[in-house]
């Protein structure tokens, strides 16, 4: 899967290596700012919703 996730908070690309089976409904954490994001839609660019503000 060649997907890309940009954090809506810090605008950095989230490293998805820890999430090899990324799926809608999963919660991922931005490795830059700690923002917790829920996956809403998969595609070339992953759409997310903020769950928690992070660090």
PDB file of N, CA and C in Angstrom:
ATOM      1  N   UNK A   1       0.859  -1.178   0.000  1.00  0.00           N
ATOM      2  CA  UNK A   1       0.000   0.000   0.000  1.00  0.00           C
ATOM      3  C   UNK A   1       0.901   1.236   0.000  1.00  0.00           C
ATOM      4  N   UNK A   2       0.639   2.157  -0.882  1.00  0.00           N
ATOM      5  CA  UNK A   2       1.446   3.357  -1.009  1.00  0.00           C
ATOM      6  C   UNK A   2       0.629   4.563  -0.564  1.00  0.00           C
ATOM      7  N   UNK A   3       0.248   4.563   0.711  1.00  0.00           N
ATOM      8  CA  UNK A   3      -0.581   5.645   1.223  1.00  0.00           C
ATOM      9  C   UNK A   3       0.259   6.665   1.977  1.00  0.00           C
ATOM     10  N   UNK A   4      -0.284   7.845   2.080  1.00  0.00           N
ATOM     11  CA  UNK A   4       0.407   8.950   2.713  1.00  0.00           C
ATOM     12  C   UNK A   4      -0.560   9.605   3.696  1.00  0.00           C
ATOM     13  N   UNK A   5      -0.055   9.882   4.897  1.00  0.00           N
ATOM     14  CA  UNK A   5      -0.878  10.528   5.919  1.00  0.00           C
ATOM     15  C   UNK A   5      -0.164  11.779   6.396  1.00  0.00           C
ATOM     16  N   UNK A   6      -0.796  12.927   6.202  1.00  0.00           N
ATOM     17  CA  UNK A   6      -0.260  14.201   6.659  1.00  0.00           C
ATOM     18  C   UNK A   6      -1.028  14.603   7.916  1.00  0.00           C
ATOM     19  N   UNK A   7      -0.298  14.868   8.987  1.00  0.00           N
ATOM     20  CA  UNK A   7      -0.932  15.266  10.248  1.00  0.00           C
ATOM     21  C   UNK A   7      -1.600  16.631  10.074  1.00  0.00           C
ATOM     22  N   UNK A   8      -2.880  16.750  10.446  1.00  0.00           N
ATOM     23  CA  UNK A   8      -3.570  18.034  10.291  1.00  0.00           C
ATOM     24  C   UNK A   8      -3.054  19.104  11.260  1.00  0.00           C
ATOM     25  N   UNK A   9      -2.368  18.694  12.305  1.00  0.00           N
ATOM     26  CA  UNK A   9      -1.863  19.636  13.309  1.00  0.00           C
ATOM     27  C   UNK A   9      -0.488  20.198  12.922  1.00  0.00           C
ATOM     28  N   UNK A  10       0.499  19.318  12.741  1.00  0.00           N
ATOM     29  CA  UNK A  10       1.871  19.781  12.504  1.00  0.00           C
ATOM     30  C   UNK A  10       2.264  19.785  11.026  1.00  0.00           C
ATOM     31  N   UNK A  11       1.395  19.227  10.165  1.00  0.00           N
ATOM     32  CA  UNK A  11       1.594  19.196   8.709  1.00  0.00           C
ATOM     33  C   UNK A  11       2.775  18.334   8.263  1.00  0.00           C
ATOM     34  N   UNK A  12       3.263  17.464   9.138  1.00  0.00           N
ATOM     35  CA  UNK A  12       4.325  16.530   8.774  1.00  0.00           C
ATOM     36  C   UNK A  12       3.710  15.214   8.327  1.00  0.00           C
ATOM     37  N   UNK A  13       4.479  14.436   7.568  1.00  0.00           N
ATOM     38  CA  UNK A  13       4.008  13.125   7.147  1.00  0.00           C
ATOM     39  C   UNK A  13       4.183  12.139   8.303  1.00  0.00           C
ATOM     40  N   UNK A  14       3.113  11.411   8.620  1.00  0.00           N
ATOM     41  CA  UNK A  14       3.137  10.428   9.698  1.00  0.00           C
ATOM     42  C   UNK A  14       3.780   9.153   9.169  1.00  0.00           C
ATOM     43  N   UNK A  15       4.700   8.594   9.963  1.00  0.00           N
ATOM     44  CA  UNK A  15       5.375   7.344   9.597  1.00  0.00           C
ATOM     45  C   UNK A  15       4.407   6.197   9.829  1.00  0.00           C
ATOM     46  N   UNK A  16       3.969   5.557   8.753  1.00  0.00           N
ATOM     47  CA  UNK A  16       2.970   4.481   8.845  1.00  0.00           C
ATOM     48  C   UNK A  16       3.595   3.093   8.948  1.00  0.00           C
ATOM     49  N   UNK A  17       4.898   3.008   9.144  1.00  0.00           N
ATOM     50  CA  UNK A  17       5.577   1.717   9.240  1.00  0.00           C
ATOM     51  C   UNK A  17       5.013   0.884  10.397  1.00  0.00           C
ATOM     52  N   UNK A  18       4.642   1.544  11.497  1.00  0.00           N
ATOM     53  CA  UNK A  18       4.075   0.835  12.656  1.00  0.00           C
ATOM     54  C   UNK A  18       2.665   0.328  12.393  1.00  0.00           C
ATOM     55  N   UNK A  19       2.068   0.735  11.282  1.00  0.00           N
ATOM     56  CA  UNK A  19       0.677   0.378  10.969  1.00  0.00           C
ATOM     57  C   UNK A  19       0.615  -0.310   9.603  1.00  0.00           C
ATOM     58  N   UNK A  20       1.155  -1.537   9.482  1.00  0.00           N
ATOM     59  CA  UNK A  20       1.191  -2.202   8.170  1.00  0.00           C
ATOM     60  C   UNK A  20      -0.187  -2.586   7.635  1.00  0.00           C
ATOM     61  N   UNK A  21      -1.159  -2.772   8.517  1.00  0.00           N
ATOM     62  CA  UNK A  21      -2.512  -3.158   8.097  1.00  0.00           C
ATOM     63  C   UNK A  21      -3.487  -2.017   8.359  1.00  0.00           C
ATOM     64  N   UNK A  22      -3.143  -0.837   7.902  1.00  0.00           N
ATOM     65  CA  UNK A  22      -3.963   0.348   8.117  1.00  0.00           C
ATOM     66  C   UNK A  22      -5.378   0.128   7.589  1.00  0.00           C
ATOM     67  N   UNK A  23      -6.362   0.462   8.416  1.00  0.00           N
ATOM     68  CA  UNK A  23      -7.760   0.258   8.041  1.00  0.00           C
ATOM     69  C   UNK A  23      -8.613   1.389   8.603  1.00  0.00           C
ATOM     70  N   UNK A  24      -9.764   1.597   7.987  1.00  0.00           N
ATOM     71  CA  UNK A  24     -10.717   2.598   8.473  1.00  0.00           C
ATOM     72  C   UNK A  24     -11.113   2.230   9.900  1.00  0.00           C
ATOM     73  N   UNK A  25     -11.119   3.228  10.780  1.00  0.00           N
ATOM     74  CA  UNK A  25     -11.475   3.001  12.179  1.00  0.00           C
ATOM     75  C   UNK A  25     -10.272   2.865  13.094  1.00  0.00           C
ATOM     76  N   UNK A  26      -9.091   2.608  12.506  1.00  0.00           N
ATOM     77  CA  UNK A  26      -7.878   2.493  13.324  1.00  0.00           C
ATOM     78  C   UNK A  26      -7.487   3.854  13.869  1.00  0.00           C
ATOM     79  N   UNK A  27      -6.796   3.834  15.001  1.00  0.00           N
ATOM     80  CA  UNK A  27      -6.273   5.060  15.590  1.00  0.00           C
ATOM     81  C   UNK A  27      -4.754   5.023  15.446  1.00  0.00           C
ATOM     82  N   UNK A  28      -4.190   6.094  14.895  1.00  0.00           N
ATOM     83  CA  UNK A  28      -2.745   6.199  14.704  1.00  0.00           C
ATOM     84  C   UNK A  28      -2.247   7.445  15.427  1.00  0.00           C
ATOM     85  N   UNK A  29      -0.965   7.448  15.734  1.00  0.00           N
ATOM     86  CA  UNK A  29      -0.382   8.592  16.433  1.00  0.00           C
ATOM     87  C   UNK A  29       0.688   9.227  15.564  1.00  0.00           C
ATOM     88  N   UNK A  30       0.675  10.545  15.484  1.00  0.00           N
ATOM     89  CA  UNK A  30       1.692  11.274  14.728  1.00  0.00           C
ATOM     90  C   UNK A  30       3.013  11.134  15.468  1.00  0.00           C
ATOM     91  N   UNK A  31       4.053  10.688  14.761  1.00  0.00           N
ATOM     92  CA  UNK A  31       5.354  10.511  15.384  1.00  0.00           C
ATOM     93  C   UNK A  31       6.095  11.832  15.569  1.00  0.00           C
ATOM     94  N   UNK A  32       5.523  12.928  15.107  1.00  0.00           N
ATOM     95  CA  UNK A  32       6.153  14.241  15.262  1.00  0.00           C
ATOM     96  C   UNK A  32       5.570  15.024  16.437  1.00  0.00           C
ATOM     97  N   UNK A  33       4.236  15.129  16.512  1.00  0.00           N
ATOM     98  CA  UNK A  33       3.608  15.966  17.547  1.00  0.00           C
ATOM     99  C   UNK A  33       2.789  15.180  18.560  1.00  0.00           C
ATOM    100  N   UNK A  34       2.574  13.883  18.326  1.00  0.00           N
ATOM    101  CA  UNK A  34       1.823  13.065  19.275  1.00  0.00           C
ATOM    102  C   UNK A  34       0.318  13.118  19.116  1.00  0.00           C
ATOM    103  N   UNK A  35      -0.164  13.814  18.104  1.00  0.00           N
ATOM    104  CA  UNK A  35      -1.602  13.905  17.845  1.00  0.00           C
ATOM    105  C   UNK A  35      -2.151  12.509  17.549  1.00  0.00           C
ATOM    106  N   UNK A  36      -3.282  12.173  18.166  1.00  0.00           N
ATOM    107  CA  UNK A  36      -3.924  10.882  17.915  1.00  0.00           C
ATOM    108  C   UNK A  36      -5.012  11.098  16.878  1.00  0.00           C
ATOM    109  N   UNK A  37      -4.977  10.275  15.820  1.00  0.00           N
ATOM    110  CA  UNK A  37      -5.875  10.442  14.680  1.00  0.00           C
ATOM    111  C   UNK A  37      -6.632   9.151  14.389  1.00  0.00           C
ATOM    112  N   UNK A  38      -7.915   9.276  14.099  1.00  0.00           N
ATOM    113  CA  UNK A  38      -8.725   8.128  13.688  1.00  0.00           C
ATOM    114  C   UNK A  38      -8.815   8.136  12.169  1.00  0.00           C
ATOM    115  N   UNK A  39      -8.554   6.996  11.565  1.00  0.00           N
ATOM    116  CA  UNK A  39      -8.597   6.865  10.105  1.00  0.00           C
ATOM    117  C   UNK A  39     -10.056   6.839   9.654  1.00  0.00           C
ATOM    118  N   UNK A  40     -10.415   7.750   8.762  1.00  0.00           N
ATOM    119  CA  UNK A  40     -11.787   7.848   8.254  1.00  0.00           C
ATOM    120  C   UNK A  40     -11.927   7.327   6.832  1.00  0.00           C
ATOM    121  N   UNK A  41     -10.861   7.471   6.023  1.00  0.00           N
ATOM    122  CA  UNK A  41     -10.929   7.070   4.619  1.00  0.00           C
ATOM    123  C   UNK A  41      -9.531   6.734   4.124  1.00  0.00           C
ATOM    124  N   UNK A  42      -9.419   5.625   3.399  1.00  0.00           N
ATOM    125  CA  UNK A  42      -8.131   5.223   2.829  1.00  0.00           C
ATOM    126  C   UNK A  42      -8.081   5.574   1.355  1.00  0.00           C
ATOM    127  N   UNK A  43      -6.903   5.832   0.879  1.00  0.00           N
ATOM    128  CA  UNK A  43      -6.688   6.172  -0.520  1.00  0.00           C
ATOM    129  C   UNK A  43      -5.247   6.591  -0.664  1.00  0.00           C
ATOM    130  N   UNK A  44      -4.900   7.247  -1.755  1.00  0.00           N
ATOM    131  CA  UNK A  44      -3.517   7.717  -1.904  1.00  0.00           C
ATOM    132  C   UNK A  44      -3.132   8.637  -0.736  1.00  0.00           C
ATOM    133  N   UNK A  45      -4.093   9.421  -0.268  1.00  0.00           N
ATOM    134  CA  UNK A  45      -3.884  10.242   0.918  1.00  0.00           C
ATOM    135  C   UNK A  45      -4.959   9.858   1.939  1.00  0.00           C
ATOM    136  N   UNK A  46      -4.516   9.477   3.126  1.00  0.00           N
ATOM    137  CA  UNK A  46      -5.426   9.010   4.173  1.00  0.00           C
ATOM    138  C   UNK A  46      -6.153  10.198   4.800  1.00  0.00           C
ATOM    139  N   UNK A  47      -7.473  10.078   4.957  1.00  0.00           N
ATOM    140  CA  UNK A  47      -8.283  11.112   5.607  1.00  0.00           C
ATOM    141  C   UNK A  47      -8.469  10.700   7.069  1.00  0.00           C
ATOM    142  N   UNK A  48      -8.285  11.658   7.990  1.00  0.00           N
ATOM    143  CA  UNK A  48      -8.388  11.346   9.418  1.00  0.00           C
ATOM    144  C   UNK A  48      -9.234  12.367  10.155  1.00  0.00           C
ATOM    145  N   UNK A  49      -9.502  12.031  11.400  1.00  0.00           N
ATOM    146  CA  UNK A  49     -10.226  12.919  12.321  1.00  0.00           C
ATOM    147  C   UNK A  49      -9.402  12.932  13.615  1.00  0.00           C
ATOM    148  N   UNK A  50      -9.234  14.101  14.226  1.00  0.00           N
ATOM    149  CA  UNK A  50      -8.463  14.217  15.461  1.00  0.00           C
ATOM    150  C   UNK A  50      -9.231  13.579  16.605  1.00  0.00           C
ATOM    151  N   UNK A  51      -8.521  12.702  17.364  1.00  0.00           N
ATOM    152  CA  UNK A  51      -9.122  12.025  18.516  1.00  0.00           C
ATOM    153  C   UNK A  51      -8.629  12.699  19.789  1.00  0.00           C
ATOM    154  N   UNK A  52      -7.316  12.980  19.856  1.00  0.00           N
ATOM    155  CA  UNK A  52      -6.726  13.560  21.056  1.00  0.00           C
ATOM    156  C   UNK A  52      -5.604  14.506  20.641  1.00  0.00           C
ATOM    157  N   UNK A  53      -5.429  15.570  21.412  1.00  0.00           N
ATOM    158  CA  UNK A  53      -4.460  16.601  21.085  1.00  0.00           C
ATOM    159  C   UNK A  53      -2.996  16.161  21.202  1.00  0.00           C
ATOM    160  N   UNK A  54      -2.708  15.090  21.921  1.00  0.00           N
ATOM    161  CA  UNK A  54      -1.335  14.590  21.979  1.00  0.00           C
ATOM    162  C   UNK A  54      -0.486  15.265  23.026  1.00  0.00           C
ATOM    163  N   UNK A  55       0.835  15.289  22.769  1.00  0.00           N
ATOM    164  CA  UNK A  55       1.847  15.764  23.730  1.00  0.00           C
ATOM    165  C   UNK A  55       1.720  17.247  24.001  1.00  0.00           C
TER     166      UNK A  55
END
